[in-house]
């Protein structure tokens, strides 16, 4: 697979009931997306949360011809995660 230029945005919504990942172009067009189970660290642990997000990012990247080995896959990341409210949790 030939790597394409990175997407403009990688958006991550790690919610209490589901997790969604979107790769979008400069004009906001969705290039690829992934949807899976909740990624709340309080319920699935930090490792479980990162695993869910990682799998969905990998799937979205693959689906639109981006190779994770050729990082970055996006120029900007916006991640919103349920249960991450304090500075220590963000770190």
C-alpha atoms as a PDB file:
ATOM      1  CA  UNK A   1       0.000   0.000   0.000  1.00  0.00           C
ATOM      2  CA  UNK A   2       1.404   3.390  -0.966  1.00  0.00           C
ATOM      3  CA  UNK A   3       1.009   5.898   1.836  1.00  0.00           C
ATOM      4  CA  UNK A   4      -1.046   8.968   1.048  1.00  0.00           C
ATOM      5  CA  UNK A   5      -0.494  12.413   2.566  1.00  0.00           C
ATOM      6  CA  UNK A   6      -1.758  12.736   6.138  1.00  0.00           C
ATOM      7  CA  UNK A   7      -5.348  13.690   6.859  1.00  0.00           C
ATOM      8  CA  UNK A   8      -5.995  17.167   8.208  1.00  0.00           C
ATOM      9  CA  UNK A   9      -7.633  15.960  11.438  1.00  0.00           C
ATOM     10  CA  UNK A  10      -7.838  12.812  13.518  1.00  0.00           C
ATOM     11  CA  UNK A  11     -10.873  13.205  15.778  1.00  0.00           C
ATOM     12  CA  UNK A  12     -11.414  10.819  18.694  1.00  0.00           C
ATOM     13  CA  UNK A  13     -14.586  10.635  20.764  1.00  0.00           C
ATOM     14  CA  UNK A  14     -14.012   8.137  23.555  1.00  0.00           C
ATOM     15  CA  UNK A  15     -17.393   8.010  25.204  1.00  0.00           C
ATOM     16  CA  UNK A  16     -19.145   6.090  27.964  1.00  0.00           C
ATOM     17  CA  UNK A  17     -21.083   3.903  25.531  1.00  0.00           C
ATOM     18  CA  UNK A  18     -19.010   3.946  22.321  1.00  0.00           C
ATOM     19  CA  UNK A  19     -15.824   5.251  20.796  1.00  0.00           C
ATOM     20  CA  UNK A  20     -15.662   6.907  17.390  1.00  0.00           C
ATOM     21  CA  UNK A  21     -12.624   7.876  15.358  1.00  0.00           C
ATOM     22  CA  UNK A  22     -12.729  10.043  12.221  1.00  0.00           C
ATOM     23  CA  UNK A  23     -10.045  11.066   9.758  1.00  0.00           C
ATOM     24  CA  UNK A  24     -11.083  14.223   7.914  1.00  0.00           C
ATOM     25  CA  UNK A  25      -9.727  16.285   5.014  1.00  0.00           C
ATOM     26  CA  UNK A  26      -9.023  20.022   5.070  1.00  0.00           C
ATOM     27  CA  UNK A  27     -12.563  20.772   3.876  1.00  0.00           C
ATOM     28  CA  UNK A  28     -14.139  18.614   6.604  1.00  0.00           C
ATOM     29  CA  UNK A  29     -14.915  15.666   4.334  1.00  0.00           C
ATOM     30  CA  UNK A  30     -14.757  12.390   6.262  1.00  0.00           C
ATOM     31  CA  UNK A  31     -12.031  10.234   4.736  1.00  0.00           C
ATOM     32  CA  UNK A  32     -12.486   7.244   7.063  1.00  0.00           C
ATOM     33  CA  UNK A  33     -14.078   6.379  10.356  1.00  0.00           C
ATOM     34  CA  UNK A  34     -14.156   3.659  12.941  1.00  0.00           C
ATOM     35  CA  UNK A  35     -16.635   2.872  15.689  1.00  0.00           C
ATOM     36  CA  UNK A  36     -16.233   0.516  18.611  1.00  0.00           C
ATOM     37  CA  UNK A  37     -16.889  -0.080  22.303  1.00  0.00           C
ATOM     38  CA  UNK A  38     -16.506   2.388  25.149  1.00  0.00           C
ATOM     39  CA  UNK A  39     -12.971   3.494  25.992  1.00  0.00           C
ATOM     40  CA  UNK A  40     -13.573   4.892  29.476  1.00  0.00           C
ATOM     41  CA  UNK A  41     -10.439   4.307  31.587  1.00  0.00           C
ATOM     42  CA  UNK A  42     -12.511   3.899  34.771  1.00  0.00           C
ATOM     43  CA  UNK A  43     -14.285   0.894  33.233  1.00  0.00           C
ATOM     44  CA  UNK A  44     -11.712  -0.702  30.943  1.00  0.00           C
ATOM     45  CA  UNK A  45      -8.486   0.620  32.485  1.00  0.00           C
ATOM     46  CA  UNK A  46      -5.934   2.849  30.813  1.00  0.00           C
ATOM     47  CA  UNK A  47      -4.449  -0.001  28.757  1.00  0.00           C
ATOM     48  CA  UNK A  48      -7.925  -1.092  27.628  1.00  0.00           C
ATOM     49  CA  UNK A  49      -8.845   2.460  26.692  1.00  0.00           C
ATOM     50  CA  UNK A  50      -5.680   2.927  24.645  1.00  0.00           C
ATOM     51  CA  UNK A  51      -6.220  -0.456  22.985  1.00  0.00           C
ATOM     52  CA  UNK A  52      -9.764   0.437  21.838  1.00  0.00           C
ATOM     53  CA  UNK A  53      -8.632   3.813  20.493  1.00  0.00           C
ATOM     54  CA  UNK A  54      -5.526   2.337  18.866  1.00  0.00           C
ATOM     55  CA  UNK A  55      -7.480  -0.361  17.057  1.00  0.00           C
ATOM     56  CA  UNK A  56     -10.009   2.143  15.707  1.00  0.00           C
ATOM     57  CA  UNK A  57      -7.294   4.567  14.563  1.00  0.00           C
ATOM     58  CA  UNK A  58      -5.439   1.718  12.839  1.00  0.00           C
ATOM     59  CA  UNK A  59      -8.625   0.594  11.064  1.00  0.00           C
ATOM     60  CA  UNK A  60      -9.512   4.094   9.882  1.00  0.00           C
ATOM     61  CA  UNK A  61      -5.962   4.705   8.672  1.00  0.00           C
ATOM     62  CA  UNK A  62      -5.898   1.419   6.796  1.00  0.00           C
ATOM     63  CA  UNK A  63      -9.318   2.006   5.250  1.00  0.00           C
ATOM     64  CA  UNK A  64      -8.148   5.222   3.593  1.00  0.00           C
ATOM     65  CA  UNK A  65      -4.694   4.080   2.574  1.00  0.00           C
ATOM     66  CA  UNK A  66      -2.646   5.610   5.365  1.00  0.00           C
ATOM     67  CA  UNK A  67       0.116   3.553   6.931  1.00  0.00           C
ATOM     68  CA  UNK A  68       0.671   3.917  10.681  1.00  0.00           C
ATOM     69  CA  UNK A  69       4.350   3.221  10.062  1.00  0.00           C
ATOM     70  CA  UNK A  70       4.494   6.434   8.023  1.00  0.00           C
ATOM     71  CA  UNK A  71       3.369   8.642  10.904  1.00  0.00           C
ATOM     72  CA  UNK A  72       1.851  11.112  11.200  1.00  0.00           C
ATOM     73  CA  UNK A  73      -1.508  10.045   9.831  1.00  0.00           C
ATOM     74  CA  UNK A  74      -3.018  13.491  10.555  1.00  0.00           C
ATOM     75  CA  UNK A  75      -1.703  17.003  11.005  1.00  0.00           C
ATOM     76  CA  UNK A  76      -3.924  17.671  14.027  1.00  0.00           C
ATOM     77  CA  UNK A  77      -5.565  15.448  16.640  1.00  0.00           C
ATOM     78  CA  UNK A  78      -8.615  16.369  18.689  1.00  0.00           C
ATOM     79  CA  UNK A  79      -9.330  13.801  21.407  1.00  0.00           C
ATOM     80  CA  UNK A  80     -12.300  13.967  23.738  1.00  0.00           C
ATOM     81  CA  UNK A  81     -12.391  11.189  26.311  1.00  0.00           C
ATOM     82  CA  UNK A  82     -15.080  10.535  28.895  1.00  0.00           C
ATOM     83  CA  UNK A  83     -13.723  10.408  32.412  1.00  0.00           C
ATOM     84  CA  UNK A  84     -10.648  12.501  31.624  1.00  0.00           C
ATOM     85  CA  UNK A  85     -11.396  15.608  33.633  1.00  0.00           C
ATOM     86  CA  UNK A  86      -8.316  16.442  35.672  1.00  0.00           C
ATOM     87  CA  UNK A  87      -4.862  17.545  34.553  1.00  0.00           C
ATOM     88  CA  UNK A  88      -3.364  14.382  36.034  1.00  0.00           C
ATOM     89  CA  UNK A  89      -5.779  12.267  33.978  1.00  0.00           C
ATOM     90  CA  UNK A  90      -4.934  14.201  30.811  1.00  0.00           C
ATOM     91  CA  UNK A  91      -1.227  13.527  31.364  1.00  0.00           C
END
